[in-house]
């Protein structure tokens, strides 16, 4: 393969590091060869990361390079306050003033984020590889946003074509929470440099694309939207699994920040008391931030018969469990910028063809659920609305969404779209 058809995919999250961020880069690496592009991957070597999926690495047959996830001592540790915040989950790293101080001090070194040490090592390795004439193009994805510094270096120093991919909004989105005004200014300047320097900026949701076009009008023509999706190969043998008994409501992923389970759990308990014959039960796959973990733990103590917690599972096993559920839960928290959130699990929910209980505010996620007739939506903080939606699903679940419309989100098609973007550069 000639160098002009080779691309370096830069993603901190790549197998064995698991989680939702893994899939976008993994599936792109898997399907780009069929579209005429030969990928190599630059990921992280992070033995401390809490989500791992060793089996997923078997899906790709391409060179995978690793840069060490170097973490510098936090201000909290240097001042003797204690360990910094967890590398894996959001949330306070303790209770009381000491915990809050520890969390605040730990964030001071996030310039631009806590993977800055990995980014420096990744830039050095990427430049070494690229100087061998191996690539014409580099694709970087965030979060973490420090991954885009690799693309910026390859663009500026070697002239490679660069596609910057935003899975979540950066400074314009709901998860932007800088530690200080200085951090805010630095991130906004860095975002502008990335948007203006990259040859193309890819946004993962329609509203995110609109937002960035409005905020960066001079770069609007190079901003594209390529959503997440599902991989048909992941669903082989899952069409008719034995169902869980009763009415199992499945959820895979992490509750954190404004994305909380409290209102859903209250609604679940209320409807279960009204309709014991329905056999309602919540099947939770994944781990959560500390505040959500407290809410889930209290619910287990009070109503253990209504919840089963499976913890982190490999991707395939998680899909198997979801396929056995009668209903699937989607939660997008109420917070500024939530309208741009279109979580990757939604596309796999749609492929499973199960009715979706969408606890989300107006936005991209609600639009997609409504447009496909996949289920009702409810305010994620309103137990009464969520209970009403559960009753609707029990009384008359919707038909599976139209197959042809779901197929538009198949990963091989989305990878071909990305390959066309590379060709256009």
Protein backbone atom coordinates (compact mmCIF):
# COMPACT_ATOMS: atom_id res chain seq x y z
CA UNK A 1 0.00 0.00 0.00
CA UNK A 2 1.38 3.37 -1.02
CA UNK A 3 1.97 5.92 1.73
CA UNK A 4 -0.73 8.18 0.30
CA UNK A 5 -3.32 5.55 1.30
CA UNK A 6 -2.03 4.96 4.81
CA UNK A 7 -3.45 6.67 7.86
CA UNK A 8 -2.37 6.88 11.49
CA UNK A 9 -5.34 6.62 13.86
CA UNK A 10 -4.56 8.28 17.21
CA UNK A 11 -6.85 7.24 20.05
CA UNK A 12 -6.05 6.93 23.73
CA UNK A 13 -8.85 4.37 24.07
CA UNK A 14 -8.00 1.32 22.02
CA UNK A 15 -8.06 -2.33 23.10
CA UNK A 16 -7.31 -3.57 25.65
CA UNK A 17 -8.48 -0.22 27.10
CA UNK A 18 -12.25 -0.59 27.01
CA UNK A 19 -15.32 1.62 27.25
CA UNK A 20 -17.44 3.50 24.74
CA UNK A 21 -14.52 5.59 23.47
CA UNK A 22 -12.79 2.44 22.27
CA UNK A 23 -15.33 1.51 19.60
CA UNK A 24 -15.03 4.49 17.24
CA UNK A 25 -11.33 3.95 16.59
CA UNK A 26 -11.55 0.14 16.75
CA UNK A 27 -14.26 -0.16 14.12
CA UNK A 28 -12.60 2.43 11.89
CA UNK A 29 -9.37 0.41 11.99
CA UNK A 30 -11.36 -2.73 11.23
CA UNK A 31 -13.22 -1.45 8.16
CA UNK A 32 -10.89 1.11 6.53
CA UNK A 33 -8.95 -1.56 4.58
CA UNK A 34 -12.13 -2.54 2.71
CA UNK A 35 -12.44 1.14 1.69
CA UNK A 36 -8.89 1.27 0.34
CA UNK A 37 -7.03 2.71 3.31
CA UNK A 38 -4.40 0.92 5.38
CA UNK A 39 -4.52 2.00 9.04
CA UNK A 40 -2.00 1.96 11.84
CA UNK A 41 -3.05 2.81 15.39
CA UNK A 42 -1.35 4.82 18.10
CA UNK A 43 -2.96 4.14 21.48
CA UNK A 44 -2.08 4.18 25.15
CA UNK A 45 -0.24 1.74 27.36
CA UNK A 46 -2.14 2.33 30.59
CA UNK A 47 -2.14 -0.65 32.98
CA UNK A 48 -4.01 1.42 35.59
CA UNK A 49 -7.07 2.09 33.45
CA UNK A 50 -10.13 0.41 35.00
CA UNK A 51 -12.05 -0.72 31.87
CA UNK A 52 -10.41 -3.41 29.78
CA UNK A 53 -11.56 -5.55 26.85
CA UNK A 54 -8.73 -7.84 25.79
CA UNK A 55 -10.90 -9.75 23.29
CA UNK A 56 -11.65 -6.67 21.19
CA UNK A 57 -8.06 -6.40 19.94
CA UNK A 58 -8.63 -9.56 17.91
CA UNK A 59 -10.96 -7.63 15.62
CA UNK A 60 -8.18 -5.75 13.83
CA UNK A 61 -5.18 -6.85 11.83
CA UNK A 62 -3.01 -3.76 11.66
CA UNK A 63 0.07 -2.40 13.44
CA UNK A 64 -0.76 -1.00 16.87
CA UNK A 65 1.75 1.29 18.57
CA UNK A 66 1.58 2.24 22.27
CA UNK A 67 2.75 5.32 24.11
CA UNK A 68 3.02 5.16 27.91
CA UNK A 69 0.33 6.87 29.94
CA UNK A 70 2.62 9.03 32.03
CA UNK A 71 0.93 10.72 34.96
CA UNK A 72 2.67 13.55 36.71
CA UNK A 73 2.35 14.02 40.51
CA UNK A 74 -0.70 16.14 41.25
CA UNK A 75 -0.59 19.31 43.30
CA UNK A 76 -2.55 17.43 45.96
CA UNK A 77 0.16 14.83 46.30
CA UNK A 78 2.99 17.35 46.21
CA UNK A 79 1.31 19.30 49.03
CA UNK A 80 0.74 16.13 51.04
CA UNK A 81 -3.08 16.25 50.83
CA UNK A 82 -3.34 12.75 49.37
CA UNK A 83 -3.83 10.91 46.14
CA UNK A 84 -5.42 12.66 43.16
CA UNK A 85 -8.75 11.86 41.61
CA UNK A 86 -9.31 8.47 40.06
CA UNK A 87 -8.03 8.09 36.53
CA UNK A 88 -11.05 6.06 35.59
CA UNK A 89 -14.20 7.78 36.81
CA UNK A 90 -15.49 11.25 37.52
CA UNK A 91 -16.61 12.12 41.00
CA UNK A 92 -15.18 13.23 44.30
CA UNK A 93 -12.15 11.35 45.56
CA UNK A 94 -13.34 11.45 49.14
CA UNK A 95 -15.80 13.20 51.41
CA UNK A 96 -15.59 16.49 53.30
CA UNK A 97 -13.28 19.39 52.70
CA UNK A 98 -10.20 17.20 52.35
CA UNK A 99 -11.78 15.21 49.52
CA UNK A 100 -12.92 18.36 47.73
CA UNK A 101 -9.50 19.94 48.11
CA UNK A 102 -7.82 16.78 46.83
CA UNK A 103 -10.06 16.71 43.76
CA UNK A 104 -9.53 20.42 43.01
CA UNK A 105 -5.77 20.25 43.36
CA UNK A 106 -5.58 17.11 41.24
CA UNK A 107 -7.22 18.98 38.34
CA UNK A 108 -4.68 21.81 38.30
CA UNK A 109 -2.26 19.72 36.27
CA UNK A 110 -4.82 18.94 33.58
CA UNK A 111 -3.21 21.00 30.81
CA UNK A 112 -5.16 20.32 28.71
CA UNK A 113 -6.30 17.12 30.48
CA UNK A 114 -5.03 14.30 32.67
CA UNK A 115 -3.64 12.44 29.62
CA UNK A 116 -1.18 15.25 28.83
CA UNK A 117 1.75 12.99 29.73
CA UNK A 118 0.57 10.34 27.28
CA UNK A 119 0.12 13.03 24.62
CA UNK A 120 3.75 14.12 24.88
CA UNK A 121 4.98 10.55 24.54
CA UNK A 122 2.53 9.90 21.70
CA UNK A 123 3.71 12.99 19.79
CA UNK A 124 7.31 11.85 19.99
CA UNK A 125 6.45 8.34 18.78
CA UNK A 126 4.11 9.61 16.04
CA UNK A 127 6.75 11.96 14.64
CA UNK A 128 9.31 9.15 14.64
CA UNK A 129 6.93 6.87 12.72
CA UNK A 130 5.73 9.53 10.31
CA UNK A 131 9.26 10.63 9.41
CA UNK A 132 9.71 7.15 7.91
CA UNK A 133 7.20 8.14 5.20
CA UNK A 134 4.58 5.70 6.47
CA UNK A 135 1.46 7.94 6.28
CA UNK A 136 -0.21 10.67 4.29
CA UNK A 137 -2.97 11.31 6.81
CA UNK A 138 -3.51 11.39 10.56
CA UNK A 139 -6.86 11.03 12.35
CA UNK A 140 -7.14 12.03 16.01
CA UNK A 141 -10.16 11.57 18.26
CA UNK A 142 -11.22 13.06 21.57
CA UNK A 143 -11.76 12.80 24.46
CA UNK A 144 -9.07 13.09 25.68
CA UNK A 145 -8.47 16.34 23.81
CA UNK A 146 -4.71 16.01 24.30
CA UNK A 147 -4.79 13.47 21.47
CA UNK A 148 -5.32 16.32 19.03
CA UNK A 149 -1.90 17.69 19.94
CA UNK A 150 -0.46 14.69 18.10
CA UNK A 151 -2.30 15.63 14.92
CA UNK A 152 -1.30 19.25 15.32
CA UNK A 153 2.38 18.29 15.50
CA UNK A 154 2.20 16.02 12.44
CA UNK A 155 0.38 18.71 10.48
CA UNK A 156 2.73 21.54 11.38
CA UNK A 157 6.06 19.70 11.24
CA UNK A 158 5.50 17.20 8.41
CA UNK A 159 2.55 18.54 6.46
CA UNK A 160 0.33 15.47 6.87
CA UNK A 161 -3.35 15.85 6.15
CA UNK A 162 -5.20 15.92 9.47
CA UNK A 163 -8.75 15.00 10.47
CA UNK A 164 -9.72 15.95 14.05
CA UNK A 165 -12.64 13.89 15.34
CA UNK A 166 -14.84 15.07 18.24
CA UNK A 167 -16.81 12.25 19.89
CA UNK A 168 -17.97 14.83 22.47
CA UNK A 169 -18.05 18.61 22.21
CA UNK A 170 -14.93 20.22 23.60
CA UNK A 171 -15.30 23.69 25.16
CA UNK A 172 -18.85 24.04 23.76
CA UNK A 173 -20.24 20.91 25.38
CA UNK A 174 -21.77 19.69 28.64
CA UNK A 175 -18.58 18.08 29.97
CA UNK A 176 -16.40 21.20 29.80
CA UNK A 177 -15.54 22.05 33.40
CA UNK A 178 -12.13 23.76 33.59
CA UNK A 179 -10.38 23.97 36.94
CA UNK A 180 -9.61 27.71 36.73
CA UNK A 181 -10.16 30.70 34.40
CA UNK A 182 -6.62 30.08 33.14
CA UNK A 183 -7.54 26.51 32.19
CA UNK A 184 -10.68 27.82 30.45
CA UNK A 185 -8.71 30.32 28.37
CA UNK A 186 -6.04 27.78 27.48
CA UNK A 187 -8.61 25.20 26.33
CA UNK A 188 -10.57 27.69 24.24
CA UNK A 189 -7.39 28.86 22.51
CA UNK A 190 -6.29 25.30 21.91
CA UNK A 191 -9.68 24.34 20.49
CA UNK A 192 -9.55 27.27 18.08
CA UNK A 193 -6.07 26.25 16.91
CA UNK A 194 -7.26 22.68 16.30
CA UNK A 195 -10.39 23.75 14.41
CA UNK A 196 -8.53 26.25 12.25
CA UNK A 197 -5.48 24.06 11.55
CA UNK A 198 -7.06 20.67 10.88
CA UNK A 199 -7.98 19.91 7.27
CA UNK A 200 -11.34 18.57 8.46
CA UNK A 201 -13.22 18.54 11.75
CA UNK A 202 -15.63 15.64 12.31
CA UNK A 203 -18.45 15.96 14.85
CA UNK A 204 -20.30 12.90 16.15
CA UNK A 205 -23.79 14.45 16.27
CA UNK A 206 -25.83 16.79 14.04
CA UNK A 207 -26.34 19.49 16.68
CA UNK A 208 -22.65 19.38 17.57
CA UNK A 209 -21.83 20.04 13.92
CA UNK A 210 -24.28 22.96 13.82
CA UNK A 211 -22.83 24.37 17.04
CA UNK A 212 -19.25 24.29 15.78
CA UNK A 213 -20.21 25.78 12.43
CA UNK A 214 -21.88 28.71 14.20
CA UNK A 215 -18.99 29.22 16.63
CA UNK A 216 -16.29 28.88 13.94
CA UNK A 217 -17.93 30.29 10.80
CA UNK A 218 -14.64 30.65 8.92
CA UNK A 219 -14.11 26.88 9.25
CA UNK A 220 -17.74 25.87 8.68
CA UNK A 221 -17.18 24.28 5.26
CA UNK A 222 -14.68 21.76 6.61
CA UNK A 223 -16.87 20.62 9.53
CA UNK A 224 -18.53 17.27 8.83
CA UNK A 225 -20.89 15.04 10.82
CA UNK A 226 -20.21 11.30 11.07
CA UNK A 227 -22.16 9.68 13.88
CA UNK A 228 -21.34 6.63 15.93
CA UNK A 229 -22.96 3.36 14.93
CA UNK A 230 -23.03 -0.39 15.38
CA UNK A 231 -21.05 -3.28 13.89
CA UNK A 232 -23.27 -5.96 12.36
CA UNK A 233 -20.60 -8.58 13.09
CA UNK A 234 -21.05 -7.96 16.83
CA UNK A 235 -24.65 -9.17 16.65
CA UNK A 236 -24.10 -12.58 15.06
CA UNK A 237 -26.15 -15.15 16.97
CA UNK A 238 -28.03 -12.56 19.05
CA UNK A 239 -31.33 -12.48 17.16
CA UNK A 240 -33.30 -14.82 19.43
CA UNK A 241 -31.54 -15.35 22.77
CA UNK A 242 -33.46 -16.75 25.74
CA UNK A 243 -35.03 -13.74 27.51
CA UNK A 244 -34.46 -12.78 31.09
CA UNK A 245 -37.52 -13.62 33.22
CA UNK A 246 -40.12 -10.92 33.75
CA UNK A 247 -39.51 -7.45 32.34
CA UNK A 248 -35.80 -6.72 32.45
CA UNK A 249 -34.75 -3.14 31.66
CA UNK A 250 -31.12 -3.18 30.55
CA UNK A 251 -28.52 -0.42 30.63
CA UNK A 252 -24.85 -0.59 29.61
CA UNK A 253 -22.43 2.20 30.41
CA UNK A 254 -21.44 4.64 33.11
CA UNK A 255 -23.57 6.95 35.21
CA UNK A 256 -21.63 10.11 36.08
CA UNK A 257 -22.12 13.84 36.47
CA UNK A 258 -25.66 14.82 35.44
CA UNK A 259 -26.21 11.38 33.93
CA UNK A 260 -27.69 9.84 37.07
CA UNK A 261 -29.98 6.87 37.79
CA UNK A 262 -31.91 8.35 40.74
CA UNK A 263 -35.11 9.42 38.95
CA UNK A 264 -35.27 6.20 36.94
CA UNK A 265 -34.85 4.07 40.07
CA UNK A 266 -37.67 5.96 41.80
CA UNK A 267 -39.93 5.42 38.78
CA UNK A 268 -38.97 1.75 38.57
CA UNK A 269 -39.88 1.22 42.21
CA UNK A 270 -43.22 3.02 41.83
CA UNK A 271 -44.31 1.01 38.77
CA UNK A 272 -43.09 -2.25 40.31
CA UNK A 273 -45.38 -1.63 43.30
CA UNK A 274 -48.31 -0.90 40.99
CA UNK A 275 -47.72 -3.85 38.67
CA UNK A 276 -46.02 -6.70 40.48
CA UNK A 277 -47.19 -9.09 37.75
CA UNK A 278 -44.83 -7.36 35.26
CA UNK A 279 -41.75 -8.67 37.08
CA UNK A 280 -39.82 -5.43 36.56
CA UNK A 281 -36.08 -5.56 37.15
CA UNK A 282 -33.15 -3.31 36.27
CA UNK A 283 -30.10 -4.99 34.72
CA UNK A 284 -27.09 -2.69 35.11
CA UNK A 285 -23.87 -3.31 33.15
CA UNK A 286 -20.86 -1.11 33.93
CA UNK A 287 -19.51 1.00 36.76
CA UNK A 288 -20.32 4.55 37.80
CA UNK A 289 -19.03 7.70 39.45
CA UNK A 290 -19.16 7.84 43.22
CA UNK A 291 -22.39 9.82 43.57
CA UNK A 292 -24.31 7.49 41.24
CA UNK A 293 -22.64 4.54 42.93
CA UNK A 294 -24.08 5.70 46.27
CA UNK A 295 -27.60 5.93 44.79
CA UNK A 296 -27.33 2.48 43.23
CA UNK A 297 -25.93 0.99 46.45
CA UNK A 298 -28.79 2.40 48.52
CA UNK A 299 -31.30 1.00 46.02
CA UNK A 300 -29.71 -2.45 46.22
CA UNK A 301 -30.05 -2.38 50.02
CA UNK A 302 -33.69 -1.29 49.89
CA UNK A 303 -35.02 -3.20 46.85
CA UNK A 304 -32.54 -5.94 45.91
CA UNK A 305 -35.18 -7.86 43.95
CA UNK A 306 -35.49 -4.96 41.49
CA UNK A 307 -31.85 -4.69 40.41
CA UNK A 308 -29.06 -6.93 39.15
CA UNK A 309 -25.60 -5.39 38.87
CA UNK A 310 -23.24 -7.21 36.50
CA UNK A 311 -20.33 -4.76 36.61
CA UNK A 312 -17.99 -4.30 33.66
CA UNK A 313 -18.32 -6.91 30.92
CA UNK A 314 -16.54 -7.42 27.59
CA UNK A 315 -18.40 -5.73 24.76
CA UNK A 316 -19.77 -8.95 23.25
CA UNK A 317 -20.98 -10.24 26.62
CA UNK A 318 -22.69 -6.90 27.33
CA UNK A 319 -24.58 -7.16 24.03
CA UNK A 320 -25.65 -10.70 24.89
CA UNK A 321 -27.14 -9.53 28.17
CA UNK A 322 -28.89 -6.56 26.56
CA UNK A 323 -30.34 -8.83 23.88
CA UNK A 324 -32.07 -10.83 26.61
CA UNK A 325 -33.78 -7.73 28.06
CA UNK A 326 -37.29 -6.65 27.14
CA UNK A 327 -36.58 -2.91 27.39
CA UNK A 328 -33.41 -0.82 27.14
CA UNK A 329 -32.62 2.31 29.15
CA UNK A 330 -30.95 5.41 27.73
CA UNK A 331 -30.05 8.27 30.09
CA UNK A 332 -28.74 11.69 29.00
CA UNK A 333 -28.50 14.15 31.88
CA UNK A 334 -30.04 17.62 32.06
CA UNK A 335 -27.13 20.03 31.69
CA UNK A 336 -26.05 22.82 29.32
CA UNK A 337 -25.04 21.38 25.97
CA UNK A 338 -26.85 18.06 26.52
CA UNK A 339 -28.70 18.56 23.23
CA UNK A 340 -25.49 17.62 21.40
CA UNK A 341 -25.12 14.24 23.16
CA UNK A 342 -25.79 11.17 21.03
CA UNK A 343 -24.29 8.35 23.03
CA UNK A 344 -22.85 5.42 21.11
CA UNK A 345 -24.90 2.81 22.94
CA UNK A 346 -28.09 4.15 21.33
CA UNK A 347 -27.10 2.77 17.93
CA UNK A 348 -26.52 -0.69 19.38
CA UNK A 349 -29.87 -0.44 21.16
CA UNK A 350 -31.50 0.32 17.80
CA UNK A 351 -29.82 -2.67 16.17
CA UNK A 352 -31.11 -4.94 18.93
CA UNK A 353 -34.60 -3.79 18.00
CA UNK A 354 -35.77 -3.50 21.61
CA UNK A 355 -38.10 -0.71 22.83
CA UNK A 356 -36.06 2.14 24.31
CA UNK A 357 -36.90 4.08 27.46
CA UNK A 358 -35.16 7.35 26.60
CA UNK A 359 -34.64 9.50 29.70
CA UNK A 360 -33.17 12.50 27.94
CA UNK A 361 -33.85 16.19 27.28
CA UNK A 362 -34.68 17.53 23.81
CA UNK A 363 -31.70 17.07 21.52
CA UNK A 364 -30.00 14.69 19.12
CA UNK A 365 -30.72 11.56 21.17
CA UNK A 366 -34.42 12.36 21.58
CA UNK A 367 -34.68 13.30 17.89
CA UNK A 368 -33.26 9.96 16.77
CA UNK A 369 -35.49 7.92 19.10
CA UNK A 370 -38.58 9.85 17.97
CA UNK A 371 -37.72 9.70 14.26
CA UNK A 372 -37.41 5.91 14.37
CA UNK A 373 -40.39 5.37 16.66
CA UNK A 374 -38.17 3.42 19.05
CA UNK A 375 -39.89 4.43 22.30
CA UNK A 376 -41.05 7.27 24.55
CA UNK A 377 -38.86 10.01 25.99
CA UNK A 378 -39.01 11.50 29.48
CA UNK A 379 -37.24 14.16 31.51
CA UNK A 380 -34.26 12.35 33.08
CA UNK A 381 -34.89 14.09 36.42
CA UNK A 382 -38.67 13.51 36.56
CA UNK A 383 -39.71 10.18 38.15
CA UNK A 384 -43.39 10.79 37.30
CA UNK A 385 -42.61 11.20 33.58
CA UNK A 386 -40.32 8.18 33.57
CA UNK A 387 -42.96 6.06 35.34
CA UNK A 388 -45.52 7.11 32.73
CA UNK A 389 -43.11 6.07 29.96
CA UNK A 390 -42.52 2.68 31.59
CA UNK A 391 -46.28 2.09 31.73
CA UNK A 392 -46.59 2.98 28.05
CA UNK A 393 -43.94 0.44 27.17
CA UNK A 394 -45.58 -2.25 29.29
CA UNK A 395 -49.02 -1.58 27.77
CA UNK A 396 -47.98 -1.37 24.13
CA UNK A 397 -44.30 -1.59 23.16
CA UNK A 398 -43.47 -0.07 19.74
CA UNK A 399 -42.48 -2.12 16.73
CA UNK A 400 -38.76 -2.39 15.91
CA UNK A 401 -37.53 0.62 13.91
CA UNK A 402 -37.37 0.36 10.09
CA UNK A 403 -34.43 -1.86 9.21
CA UNK A 404 -33.21 0.21 6.27
CA UNK A 405 -32.98 3.32 8.43
CA UNK A 406 -31.08 1.48 11.15
CA UNK A 407 -28.63 0.08 8.59
CA UNK A 408 -27.53 3.63 7.76
CA UNK A 409 -25.56 3.53 11.04
CA UNK A 410 -23.63 0.32 10.34
CA UNK A 411 -19.92 0.80 11.09
CA UNK A 412 -18.68 -0.41 7.69
CA UNK A 413 -20.78 2.27 5.98
CA UNK A 414 -19.57 4.97 8.36
CA UNK A 415 -15.95 3.87 7.84
CA UNK A 416 -16.42 4.15 4.07
CA UNK A 417 -17.72 7.68 4.63
CA UNK A 418 -14.59 8.49 6.64
CA UNK A 419 -12.41 7.00 3.89
CA UNK A 420 -14.15 9.27 1.36
CA UNK A 421 -13.30 12.20 3.60
CA UNK A 422 -9.65 11.15 3.56
CA UNK A 423 -9.73 10.89 -0.25
CA UNK A 424 -11.22 14.37 -0.48
CA UNK A 425 -8.27 15.88 1.35
